[in-house]
N, C-alpha and C. Protein backbone atom coordinates (compact mmCIF):
# COMPACT_ATOMS: atom_id res chain seq x y z
N MET A 1 166.80 52.04 -143.24
CA MET A 1 167.39 51.39 -144.40
C MET A 1 167.01 52.09 -145.71
N LEU A 2 165.78 52.58 -145.78
CA LEU A 2 165.27 53.18 -147.02
C LEU A 2 165.29 54.70 -147.02
N ASN A 3 165.88 55.30 -146.00
CA ASN A 3 165.81 56.75 -145.88
C ASN A 3 166.35 57.50 -147.09
N ASP A 4 167.52 57.09 -147.58
CA ASP A 4 168.11 57.78 -148.73
C ASP A 4 167.22 57.64 -149.97
N PHE A 5 166.69 56.45 -150.16
CA PHE A 5 165.80 56.22 -151.30
C PHE A 5 164.56 57.09 -151.21
N LEU A 6 163.92 57.11 -150.04
CA LEU A 6 162.70 57.89 -149.86
C LEU A 6 162.96 59.38 -150.00
N THR A 7 164.08 59.84 -149.50
CA THR A 7 164.44 61.25 -149.62
C THR A 7 164.64 61.64 -151.08
N ALA A 8 165.37 60.80 -151.82
CA ALA A 8 165.61 61.08 -153.24
C ALA A 8 164.31 61.03 -154.04
N LEU A 9 163.47 60.06 -153.72
CA LEU A 9 162.21 59.90 -154.45
C LEU A 9 161.27 61.07 -154.20
N THR A 10 161.10 61.45 -152.94
CA THR A 10 160.20 62.56 -152.64
C THR A 10 160.73 63.87 -153.20
N HIS A 11 162.04 64.03 -153.22
CA HIS A 11 162.63 65.22 -153.85
C HIS A 11 162.27 65.26 -155.34
N GLU A 12 162.34 64.11 -156.00
CA GLU A 12 162.01 64.03 -157.42
C GLU A 12 160.53 64.36 -157.64
N MET A 13 159.67 63.86 -156.76
CA MET A 13 158.25 64.15 -156.87
C MET A 13 157.96 65.64 -156.69
N VAL A 14 158.55 66.22 -155.64
CA VAL A 14 158.31 67.64 -155.35
C VAL A 14 158.84 68.51 -156.47
N ARG A 15 159.99 68.15 -157.01
CA ARG A 15 160.55 68.92 -158.12
C ARG A 15 159.64 68.86 -159.35
N PHE A 16 159.09 67.67 -159.61
CA PHE A 16 158.16 67.53 -160.74
C PHE A 16 156.91 68.39 -160.51
N LEU A 17 156.35 68.33 -159.32
CA LEU A 17 155.13 69.08 -159.02
C LEU A 17 155.36 70.58 -159.05
N ALA A 18 156.56 71.00 -158.66
CA ALA A 18 156.88 72.43 -158.73
C ALA A 18 156.89 72.92 -160.17
N ALA A 19 157.30 72.03 -161.07
CA ALA A 19 157.33 72.38 -162.50
C ALA A 19 155.96 72.23 -163.15
N HIS A 20 155.03 71.58 -162.46
CA HIS A 20 153.67 71.38 -162.98
C HIS A 20 152.67 71.76 -161.89
N PRO A 21 152.55 73.06 -161.60
CA PRO A 21 151.72 73.51 -160.47
C PRO A 21 150.24 73.14 -160.57
N ASP A 22 149.75 72.87 -161.78
CA ASP A 22 148.34 72.52 -161.95
C ASP A 22 148.12 71.02 -162.08
N PHE A 23 149.14 70.25 -161.74
CA PHE A 23 149.10 68.80 -161.96
C PHE A 23 147.87 68.16 -161.31
N PHE A 24 147.61 68.45 -160.05
CA PHE A 24 146.52 67.78 -159.33
C PHE A 24 145.14 68.23 -159.79
N GLU A 25 145.08 69.29 -160.56
CA GLU A 25 143.80 69.76 -161.07
C GLU A 25 143.37 69.01 -162.33
N GLY A 26 144.31 68.33 -162.96
CA GLY A 26 144.02 67.61 -164.19
C GLY A 26 143.35 66.27 -163.92
N LYS A 27 142.79 65.69 -164.97
CA LYS A 27 142.19 64.36 -164.87
C LYS A 27 143.30 63.31 -164.82
N GLU A 28 142.93 62.10 -164.39
CA GLU A 28 143.94 61.07 -164.17
C GLU A 28 144.67 60.69 -165.45
N ASP A 29 143.97 60.63 -166.59
CA ASP A 29 144.65 60.28 -167.84
C ASP A 29 145.64 61.37 -168.25
N ALA A 30 145.29 62.64 -167.99
CA ALA A 30 146.20 63.74 -168.30
C ALA A 30 147.42 63.70 -167.38
N ARG A 31 147.21 63.32 -166.13
CA ARG A 31 148.34 63.20 -165.19
C ARG A 31 149.29 62.09 -165.64
N GLU A 32 148.71 60.95 -166.03
CA GLU A 32 149.54 59.83 -166.49
C GLU A 32 150.39 60.24 -167.68
N LYS A 33 149.80 61.01 -168.60
CA LYS A 33 150.54 61.48 -169.77
C LYS A 33 151.67 62.41 -169.37
N ALA A 34 151.41 63.29 -168.40
CA ALA A 34 152.43 64.23 -167.94
C ALA A 34 153.61 63.52 -167.28
N LEU A 35 153.35 62.33 -166.75
CA LEU A 35 154.39 61.58 -166.02
C LEU A 35 155.17 60.60 -166.90
N GLN A 36 154.80 60.48 -168.15
CA GLN A 36 155.38 59.45 -169.02
C GLN A 36 156.91 59.49 -169.07
N ASN A 37 157.48 60.67 -169.20
CA ASN A 37 158.93 60.78 -169.38
C ASN A 37 159.68 61.12 -168.10
N VAL A 38 158.98 61.07 -166.98
CA VAL A 38 159.62 61.35 -165.70
C VAL A 38 160.40 60.13 -165.24
N ARG A 39 161.63 60.34 -164.78
CA ARG A 39 162.48 59.23 -164.34
C ARG A 39 162.11 58.85 -162.91
N MET A 40 161.12 57.98 -162.84
CA MET A 40 160.56 57.57 -161.55
C MET A 40 159.98 56.17 -161.74
N PRO A 41 160.18 55.26 -160.78
CA PRO A 41 159.61 53.91 -160.91
C PRO A 41 158.11 53.95 -161.14
N ALA A 42 157.61 53.02 -161.95
CA ALA A 42 156.20 53.00 -162.37
C ALA A 42 155.19 53.06 -161.22
N PRO A 43 155.39 52.34 -160.11
CA PRO A 43 154.38 52.41 -159.04
C PRO A 43 154.16 53.82 -158.50
N PHE A 44 155.20 54.65 -158.56
CA PHE A 44 155.09 56.00 -158.03
C PHE A 44 154.44 56.95 -159.04
N LYS A 45 154.60 56.65 -160.31
CA LYS A 45 153.87 57.41 -161.32
C LYS A 45 152.37 57.13 -161.19
N HIS A 46 152.04 55.88 -161.00
CA HIS A 46 150.64 55.49 -160.82
C HIS A 46 150.08 56.14 -159.55
N TYR A 47 150.87 56.13 -158.50
CA TYR A 47 150.46 56.76 -157.24
C TYR A 47 150.13 58.23 -157.45
N LEU A 48 151.04 58.97 -158.08
CA LEU A 48 150.82 60.40 -158.29
C LEU A 48 149.62 60.67 -159.19
N ALA A 49 149.46 59.84 -160.21
CA ALA A 49 148.36 60.05 -161.16
C ALA A 49 147.00 59.87 -160.52
N HIS A 50 146.93 59.12 -159.43
CA HIS A 50 145.63 58.80 -158.84
C HIS A 50 145.45 59.33 -157.42
N ARG A 51 146.37 60.16 -156.95
CA ARG A 51 146.29 60.70 -155.59
C ARG A 51 145.79 62.13 -155.61
N LYS A 52 145.03 62.52 -154.59
CA LYS A 52 144.56 63.90 -154.45
C LYS A 52 145.65 64.75 -153.81
N SER A 53 145.60 66.05 -154.07
CA SER A 53 146.62 66.96 -153.56
C SER A 53 146.73 66.90 -152.04
N GLU A 54 145.60 66.96 -151.36
CA GLU A 54 145.62 66.99 -149.90
C GLU A 54 146.13 65.66 -149.32
N ASP A 55 145.82 64.56 -149.99
CA ASP A 55 146.31 63.25 -149.55
C ASP A 55 147.81 63.13 -149.77
N PHE A 56 148.28 63.69 -150.88
CA PHE A 56 149.72 63.68 -151.16
C PHE A 56 150.48 64.41 -150.05
N MET A 57 149.98 65.55 -149.62
CA MET A 57 150.65 66.31 -148.56
C MET A 57 150.70 65.51 -147.26
N GLU A 58 149.62 64.82 -146.95
CA GLU A 58 149.60 63.97 -145.75
C GLU A 58 150.62 62.84 -145.88
N ASP A 59 150.72 62.28 -147.08
CA ASP A 59 151.68 61.21 -147.32
C ASP A 59 153.11 61.69 -147.12
N MET A 60 153.40 62.92 -147.59
CA MET A 60 154.75 63.46 -147.44
C MET A 60 155.09 63.69 -145.96
N ARG A 61 154.09 64.07 -145.19
CA ARG A 61 154.32 64.22 -143.74
C ARG A 61 154.65 62.86 -143.12
N LEU A 62 153.98 61.83 -143.61
CA LEU A 62 154.26 60.48 -143.11
C LEU A 62 155.66 60.03 -143.50
N VAL A 63 156.09 60.37 -144.69
CA VAL A 63 157.46 60.03 -145.11
C VAL A 63 158.47 60.69 -144.18
N VAL A 64 158.26 61.96 -143.86
CA VAL A 64 159.15 62.67 -142.93
C VAL A 64 159.15 61.97 -141.58
N SER A 65 157.98 61.57 -141.13
CA SER A 65 157.86 60.85 -139.85
C SER A 65 158.64 59.55 -139.90
N TYR A 66 158.52 58.83 -141.01
CA TYR A 66 159.22 57.55 -141.17
C TYR A 66 160.74 57.76 -141.18
N VAL A 67 161.20 58.76 -141.91
CA VAL A 67 162.64 59.03 -141.98
C VAL A 67 163.19 59.39 -140.61
N ASN A 68 162.41 60.14 -139.83
CA ASN A 68 162.86 60.55 -138.50
C ASN A 68 162.80 59.42 -137.49
N SER A 69 161.77 58.57 -137.60
CA SER A 69 161.62 57.45 -136.66
C SER A 69 160.78 56.36 -137.31
N ALA A 70 161.45 55.47 -138.02
CA ALA A 70 160.76 54.46 -138.82
C ALA A 70 159.82 53.60 -137.99
N LYS A 71 160.22 53.25 -136.77
CA LYS A 71 159.42 52.34 -135.96
C LYS A 71 158.12 52.96 -135.48
N LEU A 72 158.07 54.29 -135.35
CA LEU A 72 156.89 54.95 -134.82
C LEU A 72 155.89 55.36 -135.89
N ALA A 73 156.31 55.40 -137.15
CA ALA A 73 155.43 55.85 -138.23
C ALA A 73 154.30 54.83 -138.45
N LYS A 74 153.08 55.34 -138.62
CA LYS A 74 151.91 54.48 -138.84
C LYS A 74 151.70 54.29 -140.34
N LEU A 75 152.14 53.15 -140.85
CA LEU A 75 152.20 52.92 -142.30
C LEU A 75 151.01 52.12 -142.84
N GLU A 76 150.25 51.50 -141.98
CA GLU A 76 149.22 50.56 -142.43
C GLU A 76 148.25 51.20 -143.43
N GLY A 77 148.17 50.59 -144.61
CA GLY A 77 147.22 51.00 -145.62
C GLY A 77 147.55 52.28 -146.37
N ASN A 78 148.67 52.93 -146.05
CA ASN A 78 148.99 54.20 -146.72
C ASN A 78 149.32 53.99 -148.19
N ALA A 79 148.75 54.82 -149.05
CA ALA A 79 148.89 54.66 -150.50
C ALA A 79 150.33 54.83 -150.97
N PHE A 80 151.04 55.81 -150.41
CA PHE A 80 152.43 56.01 -150.83
C PHE A 80 153.28 54.81 -150.46
N PHE A 81 153.14 54.33 -149.24
CA PHE A 81 153.96 53.20 -148.83
C PHE A 81 153.53 51.90 -149.50
N LYS A 82 152.27 51.83 -149.94
CA LYS A 82 151.87 50.70 -150.78
C LYS A 82 152.65 50.71 -152.09
N ALA A 83 152.85 51.91 -152.64
CA ALA A 83 153.65 52.03 -153.87
C ALA A 83 155.09 51.62 -153.60
N VAL A 84 155.62 51.99 -152.42
CA VAL A 84 156.97 51.58 -152.04
C VAL A 84 157.06 50.06 -151.99
N VAL A 85 156.08 49.43 -151.36
CA VAL A 85 156.06 47.96 -151.26
C VAL A 85 155.94 47.34 -152.64
N GLU A 86 155.08 47.89 -153.48
CA GLU A 86 154.91 47.35 -154.83
C GLU A 86 156.23 47.40 -155.60
N PHE A 87 156.95 48.49 -155.47
CA PHE A 87 158.23 48.62 -156.17
C PHE A 87 159.26 47.62 -155.66
N PHE A 88 159.40 47.52 -154.34
CA PHE A 88 160.45 46.66 -153.78
C PHE A 88 160.12 45.18 -153.89
N THR A 89 158.85 44.82 -153.94
CA THR A 89 158.50 43.41 -154.12
C THR A 89 158.42 43.03 -155.59
N GLY A 90 158.49 44.03 -156.46
CA GLY A 90 158.42 43.79 -157.89
C GLY A 90 159.74 44.05 -158.60
N ALA A 91 159.91 45.26 -159.10
CA ALA A 91 161.09 45.60 -159.91
C ALA A 91 162.39 45.43 -159.14
N PHE A 92 162.42 45.89 -157.88
CA PHE A 92 163.66 45.78 -157.11
C PHE A 92 163.98 44.33 -156.79
N ALA A 93 162.97 43.55 -156.41
CA ALA A 93 163.21 42.13 -156.11
C ALA A 93 163.79 41.40 -157.31
N ALA A 94 163.33 41.78 -158.51
CA ALA A 94 163.84 41.15 -159.73
C ALA A 94 165.33 41.44 -159.91
N LYS A 95 165.74 42.65 -159.55
CA LYS A 95 167.17 43.01 -159.62
C LYS A 95 167.96 42.22 -158.57
N LEU A 96 167.43 42.20 -157.36
CA LEU A 96 168.12 41.51 -156.26
C LEU A 96 168.31 40.03 -156.56
N ASP A 97 167.33 39.42 -157.19
CA ASP A 97 167.40 37.99 -157.50
C ASP A 97 168.50 37.65 -158.49
N LYS A 98 168.98 38.64 -159.22
CA LYS A 98 170.05 38.40 -160.19
C LYS A 98 171.43 38.36 -159.55
N LEU A 99 171.50 38.73 -158.28
CA LEU A 99 172.78 38.70 -157.57
C LEU A 99 172.89 37.39 -156.81
N ASN A 100 173.85 36.57 -157.16
CA ASN A 100 174.02 35.31 -156.43
C ASN A 100 174.94 35.53 -155.23
N SER A 101 175.15 34.49 -154.45
CA SER A 101 175.93 34.63 -153.22
C SER A 101 177.38 35.05 -153.49
N ASP A 102 177.91 34.75 -154.67
CA ASP A 102 179.28 35.15 -155.00
C ASP A 102 179.45 36.66 -154.98
N PHE A 103 178.38 37.38 -155.33
CA PHE A 103 178.44 38.84 -155.41
C PHE A 103 178.92 39.44 -154.10
N TYR A 104 178.46 38.88 -152.98
CA TYR A 104 178.78 39.45 -151.67
C TYR A 104 180.22 39.16 -151.24
N GLY A 105 180.92 38.34 -152.02
CA GLY A 105 182.32 38.11 -151.75
C GLY A 105 183.24 38.91 -152.66
N PHE A 106 182.67 39.65 -153.60
CA PHE A 106 183.45 40.48 -154.51
C PHE A 106 184.06 41.67 -153.78
N LYS A 107 185.15 42.19 -154.34
CA LYS A 107 185.68 43.46 -153.87
C LYS A 107 184.67 44.56 -154.22
N GLU A 108 184.69 45.64 -153.47
CA GLU A 108 183.67 46.67 -153.65
C GLU A 108 183.65 47.24 -155.06
N LYS A 109 184.81 47.45 -155.65
CA LYS A 109 184.84 48.02 -157.00
C LYS A 109 184.20 47.08 -158.02
N ASP A 110 184.33 45.78 -157.78
CA ASP A 110 183.71 44.81 -158.67
C ASP A 110 182.19 44.74 -158.43
N GLN A 111 181.79 44.93 -157.18
CA GLN A 111 180.36 44.99 -156.89
C GLN A 111 179.72 46.20 -157.59
N TRP A 112 180.43 47.32 -157.58
CA TRP A 112 179.90 48.52 -158.25
C TRP A 112 179.73 48.27 -159.74
N THR A 113 180.68 47.56 -160.33
CA THR A 113 180.58 47.24 -161.76
C THR A 113 179.31 46.44 -162.04
N VAL A 114 179.01 45.48 -161.17
CA VAL A 114 177.84 44.63 -161.34
C VAL A 114 176.55 45.44 -161.19
N VAL A 115 176.46 46.24 -160.13
CA VAL A 115 175.19 46.95 -159.88
C VAL A 115 174.97 48.09 -160.86
N GLN A 116 176.05 48.66 -161.39
CA GLN A 116 175.88 49.70 -162.40
C GLN A 116 175.35 49.12 -163.71
N GLU A 117 175.68 47.88 -163.96
CA GLU A 117 175.12 47.20 -165.13
C GLU A 117 173.68 46.79 -164.86
N LEU A 118 173.39 46.47 -163.63
CA LEU A 118 172.05 46.02 -163.24
C LEU A 118 171.06 47.19 -163.20
N ILE A 119 171.52 48.33 -162.68
CA ILE A 119 170.68 49.54 -162.59
C ILE A 119 171.40 50.64 -163.36
N LYS A 120 171.00 50.86 -164.59
CA LYS A 120 171.76 51.72 -165.48
C LYS A 120 171.39 53.20 -165.42
N SER A 121 170.26 53.52 -164.87
CA SER A 121 169.83 54.92 -164.81
C SER A 121 170.84 55.76 -164.02
N ASP A 122 171.01 57.01 -164.43
CA ASP A 122 171.92 57.90 -163.71
C ASP A 122 171.16 58.85 -162.78
N SER A 123 169.88 58.56 -162.50
CA SER A 123 169.10 59.40 -161.61
C SER A 123 169.57 59.21 -160.17
N HIS A 124 169.26 60.19 -159.33
CA HIS A 124 169.63 60.11 -157.91
C HIS A 124 168.90 58.94 -157.24
N VAL A 125 167.65 58.72 -157.63
CA VAL A 125 166.87 57.60 -157.08
C VAL A 125 167.58 56.27 -157.38
N ALA A 126 168.02 56.10 -158.62
CA ALA A 126 168.73 54.88 -159.01
C ALA A 126 170.02 54.73 -158.22
N GLY A 127 170.69 55.84 -157.97
CA GLY A 127 171.92 55.80 -157.18
C GLY A 127 171.70 55.27 -155.78
N THR A 128 170.58 55.64 -155.18
CA THR A 128 170.29 55.14 -153.82
C THR A 128 170.00 53.64 -153.84
N LEU A 129 169.44 53.15 -154.93
CA LEU A 129 169.17 51.71 -155.04
C LEU A 129 170.48 50.93 -155.19
N ARG A 130 171.41 51.48 -155.97
CA ARG A 130 172.71 50.83 -156.09
C ARG A 130 173.42 50.79 -154.73
N GLU A 131 173.30 51.89 -153.98
CA GLU A 131 173.89 51.93 -152.64
C GLU A 131 173.30 50.84 -151.74
N LEU A 132 171.99 50.63 -151.84
CA LEU A 132 171.35 49.59 -151.05
C LEU A 132 171.94 48.22 -151.35
N LEU A 133 172.13 47.93 -152.62
CA LEU A 133 172.66 46.63 -153.02
C LEU A 133 174.11 46.43 -152.58
N ILE A 134 174.85 47.53 -152.50
CA ILE A 134 176.26 47.45 -152.11
C ILE A 134 176.41 47.43 -150.59
N ARG A 135 175.67 48.29 -149.92
CA ARG A 135 175.89 48.51 -148.49
C ARG A 135 175.13 47.54 -147.59
N ARG A 136 174.16 46.84 -148.14
CA ARG A 136 173.35 45.93 -147.33
C ARG A 136 173.50 44.50 -147.82
N THR A 137 173.52 43.55 -146.90
CA THR A 137 173.56 42.15 -147.29
C THR A 137 172.17 41.70 -147.73
N TYR A 138 172.11 40.55 -148.37
CA TYR A 138 170.80 40.00 -148.77
C TYR A 138 169.92 39.81 -147.55
N GLN A 139 170.52 39.33 -146.46
CA GLN A 139 169.74 39.07 -145.24
C GLN A 139 169.17 40.37 -144.68
N GLU A 140 169.97 41.44 -144.69
CA GLU A 140 169.50 42.73 -144.18
C GLU A 140 168.38 43.29 -145.05
N LEU A 141 168.57 43.22 -146.36
CA LEU A 141 167.56 43.74 -147.28
C LEU A 141 166.25 42.96 -147.15
N SER A 142 166.35 41.64 -147.19
CA SER A 142 165.13 40.84 -147.15
C SER A 142 164.40 41.01 -145.82
N ALA A 143 165.13 41.05 -144.72
CA ALA A 143 164.49 41.23 -143.41
C ALA A 143 163.79 42.58 -143.34
N GLY A 144 164.46 43.62 -143.81
CA GLY A 144 163.86 44.95 -143.79
C GLY A 144 162.64 45.06 -144.67
N LEU A 145 162.68 44.45 -145.84
CA LEU A 145 161.56 44.53 -146.77
C LEU A 145 160.39 43.67 -146.32
N VAL A 146 160.67 42.53 -145.72
CA VAL A 146 159.58 41.71 -145.16
C VAL A 146 158.85 42.49 -144.08
N THR A 147 159.61 43.13 -143.20
CA THR A 147 158.99 43.93 -142.13
C THR A 147 158.14 45.04 -142.71
N LEU A 148 158.64 45.71 -143.74
CA LEU A 148 157.88 46.79 -144.36
C LEU A 148 156.58 46.29 -144.96
N THR A 149 156.62 45.18 -145.68
CA THR A 149 155.40 44.65 -146.30
C THR A 149 154.38 44.26 -145.24
N GLN A 150 154.84 43.74 -144.13
CA GLN A 150 153.93 43.36 -143.05
C GLN A 150 153.29 44.59 -142.41
N ARG A 151 154.06 45.64 -142.24
CA ARG A 151 153.54 46.86 -141.60
C ARG A 151 152.56 47.60 -142.51
N VAL A 152 152.82 47.60 -143.81
CA VAL A 152 151.99 48.39 -144.73
C VAL A 152 150.74 47.64 -145.16
N VAL A 153 150.89 46.39 -145.56
CA VAL A 153 149.75 45.65 -146.12
C VAL A 153 149.47 44.33 -145.42
N GLY A 154 150.18 44.04 -144.33
CA GLY A 154 149.96 42.77 -143.63
C GLY A 154 150.31 41.57 -144.48
N ALA A 155 151.35 41.71 -145.31
CA ALA A 155 151.73 40.63 -146.22
C ALA A 155 152.22 39.40 -145.47
N ALA A 156 152.07 38.25 -146.11
CA ALA A 156 152.55 36.99 -145.54
C ALA A 156 154.08 36.96 -145.54
N TYR A 157 154.64 36.24 -144.57
CA TYR A 157 156.08 36.02 -144.52
C TYR A 157 156.36 34.69 -145.20
N VAL A 158 156.95 34.76 -146.37
CA VAL A 158 157.16 33.56 -147.20
C VAL A 158 158.65 33.27 -147.33
N VAL A 159 159.02 32.04 -147.04
CA VAL A 159 160.43 31.61 -147.13
C VAL A 159 160.51 30.41 -148.05
N VAL A 160 161.49 30.43 -148.96
CA VAL A 160 161.74 29.32 -149.87
C VAL A 160 163.12 28.75 -149.56
N GLN A 161 163.14 27.49 -149.13
CA GLN A 161 164.41 26.83 -148.82
C GLN A 161 164.74 25.81 -149.90
N THR A 162 166.00 25.82 -150.34
CA THR A 162 166.48 24.87 -151.34
C THR A 162 167.83 24.33 -150.88
N PRO A 163 168.21 23.14 -151.33
CA PRO A 163 169.48 22.55 -150.88
C PRO A 163 170.70 23.25 -151.48
N ARG A 164 170.52 23.91 -152.62
CA ARG A 164 171.60 24.67 -153.24
C ARG A 164 171.02 25.97 -153.77
N GLU A 165 171.89 26.89 -154.15
CA GLU A 165 171.42 28.19 -154.61
C GLU A 165 170.64 28.05 -155.92
N VAL A 166 169.53 28.76 -155.99
CA VAL A 166 168.68 28.76 -157.18
C VAL A 166 169.17 29.84 -158.13
N ASP A 167 169.23 29.53 -159.43
CA ASP A 167 169.67 30.56 -160.38
C ASP A 167 168.60 31.62 -160.56
N SER A 168 168.98 32.74 -161.15
CA SER A 168 168.11 33.92 -161.20
C SER A 168 166.81 33.68 -161.95
N GLU A 169 166.85 32.89 -163.02
CA GLU A 169 165.63 32.65 -163.79
C GLU A 169 164.62 31.83 -163.00
N LEU A 170 165.11 30.83 -162.27
CA LEU A 170 164.21 30.04 -161.45
C LEU A 170 163.65 30.86 -160.29
N LYS A 171 164.50 31.71 -159.70
CA LYS A 171 164.02 32.60 -158.65
C LYS A 171 162.90 33.48 -159.19
N LYS A 172 163.08 33.98 -160.38
CA LYS A 172 162.07 34.84 -161.00
C LYS A 172 160.73 34.11 -161.13
N GLU A 173 160.79 32.87 -161.60
CA GLU A 173 159.56 32.09 -161.77
C GLU A 173 158.91 31.76 -160.42
N ILE A 174 159.74 31.35 -159.47
CA ILE A 174 159.21 31.00 -158.15
C ILE A 174 158.60 32.23 -157.49
N ARG A 175 159.32 33.35 -157.53
CA ARG A 175 158.81 34.58 -156.90
C ARG A 175 157.49 35.00 -157.55
N HIS A 176 157.43 34.93 -158.87
CA HIS A 176 156.21 35.32 -159.58
C HIS A 176 155.02 34.50 -159.11
N ASP A 177 155.22 33.19 -158.98
CA ASP A 177 154.13 32.31 -158.57
C ASP A 177 153.74 32.55 -157.11
N LEU A 178 154.75 32.76 -156.27
CA LEU A 178 154.48 33.00 -154.85
C LEU A 178 153.74 34.31 -154.63
N VAL A 179 154.17 35.36 -155.31
CA VAL A 179 153.55 36.67 -155.12
C VAL A 179 152.13 36.69 -155.67
N LYS A 180 151.88 35.87 -156.69
CA LYS A 180 150.53 35.76 -157.23
C LYS A 180 149.58 35.26 -156.16
N GLU A 181 150.05 34.32 -155.35
CA GLU A 181 149.20 33.77 -154.28
C GLU A 181 149.28 34.59 -153.00
N ASN A 182 150.36 35.34 -152.83
CA ASN A 182 150.56 36.14 -151.62
C ASN A 182 150.93 37.57 -152.03
N PRO A 183 149.95 38.35 -152.47
CA PRO A 183 150.21 39.69 -153.04
C PRO A 183 151.04 40.58 -152.13
N LEU A 184 151.98 41.29 -152.77
CA LEU A 184 152.85 42.26 -152.11
C LEU A 184 153.69 41.65 -150.99
N SER A 185 153.93 40.36 -151.08
CA SER A 185 154.87 39.72 -150.15
C SER A 185 156.27 39.78 -150.76
N PHE A 186 157.27 39.52 -149.92
CA PHE A 186 158.66 39.49 -150.39
C PHE A 186 159.25 38.13 -150.02
N PRO A 187 159.04 37.12 -150.88
CA PRO A 187 159.60 35.79 -150.60
C PRO A 187 161.11 35.84 -150.40
N VAL A 188 161.57 35.17 -149.36
CA VAL A 188 162.99 35.15 -149.00
C VAL A 188 163.56 33.79 -149.38
N PHE A 189 164.67 33.80 -150.12
CA PHE A 189 165.31 32.55 -150.53
C PHE A 189 166.42 32.21 -149.55
N GLN A 190 166.39 30.97 -149.08
CA GLN A 190 167.39 30.48 -148.14
C GLN A 190 167.95 29.14 -148.62
N ILE A 191 169.21 28.88 -148.30
CA ILE A 191 169.81 27.59 -148.60
C ILE A 191 169.80 26.73 -147.35
N ASN A 192 169.24 25.54 -147.46
CA ASN A 192 169.21 24.58 -146.36
C ASN A 192 169.84 23.29 -146.87
N LYS A 193 171.11 23.10 -146.57
CA LYS A 193 171.85 21.96 -147.11
C LYS A 193 171.36 20.62 -146.58
N LYS A 194 170.52 20.65 -145.53
CA LYS A 194 169.99 19.41 -144.98
C LYS A 194 168.88 18.83 -145.83
N LEU A 195 168.32 19.65 -146.74
CA LEU A 195 167.29 19.14 -147.64
C LEU A 195 167.92 18.19 -148.64
N ILE A 196 167.34 17.02 -148.80
CA ILE A 196 167.88 16.03 -149.72
C ILE A 196 167.60 16.44 -151.17
N GLY A 197 166.44 16.98 -151.41
CA GLY A 197 166.10 17.39 -152.77
C GLY A 197 164.84 18.24 -152.77
N GLY A 198 164.56 18.86 -153.88
CA GLY A 198 163.36 19.68 -153.98
C GLY A 198 163.45 20.97 -153.21
N ILE A 199 162.31 21.42 -152.74
CA ILE A 199 162.25 22.68 -152.02
C ILE A 199 161.31 22.57 -150.83
N ARG A 200 161.42 23.53 -149.92
CA ARG A 200 160.51 23.62 -148.79
C ARG A 200 160.05 25.08 -148.72
N ILE A 201 158.73 25.27 -148.62
CA ILE A 201 158.17 26.60 -148.61
C ILE A 201 157.40 26.82 -147.33
N PHE A 202 157.69 27.93 -146.66
CA PHE A 202 157.00 28.30 -145.43
C PHE A 202 156.20 29.57 -145.67
N LYS A 203 155.02 29.60 -145.10
CA LYS A 203 154.20 30.81 -145.11
C LYS A 203 153.82 31.12 -143.68
N ASP A 204 154.30 32.25 -143.19
CA ASP A 204 154.06 32.65 -141.80
C ASP A 204 154.44 31.54 -140.82
N GLY A 205 155.56 30.86 -141.12
CA GLY A 205 156.10 29.85 -140.22
C GLY A 205 155.59 28.45 -140.44
N ASP A 206 154.53 28.27 -141.23
CA ASP A 206 153.97 26.95 -141.47
C ASP A 206 154.38 26.45 -142.85
N VAL A 207 154.67 25.14 -142.94
CA VAL A 207 155.01 24.55 -144.23
C VAL A 207 153.77 24.57 -145.12
N ASN A 208 153.93 25.00 -146.36
CA ASN A 208 152.79 25.10 -147.27
C ASN A 208 152.28 23.72 -147.65
N ASP A 209 151.05 23.70 -148.14
CA ASP A 209 150.43 22.42 -148.49
C ASP A 209 151.15 21.75 -149.67
N GLN A 210 151.10 20.44 -149.71
CA GLN A 210 151.85 19.67 -150.69
C GLN A 210 151.41 19.96 -152.12
N SER A 211 150.14 20.25 -152.33
CA SER A 211 149.67 20.53 -153.69
C SER A 211 150.35 21.77 -154.25
N TRP A 212 150.55 22.76 -153.37
CA TRP A 212 151.25 23.98 -153.81
C TRP A 212 152.69 23.65 -154.19
N VAL A 213 153.35 22.85 -153.36
CA VAL A 213 154.74 22.47 -153.63
C VAL A 213 154.85 21.74 -154.96
N ASN A 214 153.91 20.85 -155.23
CA ASN A 214 153.94 20.11 -156.49
C ASN A 214 153.85 21.04 -157.69
N ARG A 215 153.05 22.10 -157.57
CA ARG A 215 152.93 23.05 -158.67
C ARG A 215 154.25 23.77 -158.92
N VAL A 216 154.93 24.14 -157.84
CA VAL A 216 156.23 24.81 -157.99
C VAL A 216 157.24 23.86 -158.63
N GLN A 217 157.20 22.59 -158.23
CA GLN A 217 158.19 21.64 -158.72
C GLN A 217 157.99 21.30 -160.21
N GLN A 218 156.91 21.79 -160.81
CA GLN A 218 156.74 21.60 -162.24
C GLN A 218 157.80 22.36 -163.02
N PHE A 219 158.31 23.47 -162.44
CA PHE A 219 159.32 24.22 -163.18
C PHE A 219 160.67 24.27 -162.46
N ILE A 220 160.83 23.42 -161.43
CA ILE A 220 162.13 23.36 -160.78
C ILE A 220 162.56 21.89 -160.68
N SER A 221 163.78 21.59 -161.01
CA SER A 221 164.27 20.23 -160.88
C SER A 221 165.55 20.26 -160.04
N LEU A 222 165.82 19.20 -159.37
CA LEU A 222 166.97 19.15 -158.49
C LEU A 222 168.27 19.40 -159.24
N SER A 223 168.33 18.94 -160.47
CA SER A 223 169.56 19.11 -161.24
C SER A 223 169.86 20.56 -161.56
N SER A 224 168.82 21.42 -161.54
CA SER A 224 169.04 22.82 -161.89
C SER A 224 169.05 23.74 -160.69
N VAL A 225 168.86 23.19 -159.50
CA VAL A 225 168.84 24.01 -158.29
C VAL A 225 170.28 24.37 -157.90
């Protein structure tokens, strides 16, 4: 699912490093400064600024392994894939949450109009993200990203069920609160019309404790769900 994104991203990294052959010899603050104007998501700039040359090469070999056979690649604890998880559970999730269920019923040309407004960069990396939003359903994206977070950092599987679709601002607030308690997780939003009101939250298959639910309900009301 992420092959095109990873290929574009690693190409951007290698191209940058080719233009800065002494990059890994510099101190971390100098590296961060060199990366300021590079068109690359923030987690990957941080990754490059704090990674050693030899570790970076090992990470790139792992990326190749993942692209060739995602299921066989050993991702647990890898710094590069942690950056991937950080990006997709953070900035990308925020973009995805702005697309409501109507989006998936649009004609393709109208979907492109929406995602081009959502992701405005003209970089190749940005192009692969727009392709993901167009070519994959919410269910496919969320399932793939949940699996990735579990493989890389052992993240919790968090599901939020509501009787009606939650608007993007409420999703943003709920996701922020959930990820604070379950770092690098990718909460999945589902509609369960059998719920009379409020919300239901599952963590690794178990319903969360009532005190947690009460805290979430401080900023969600049935009338706005």
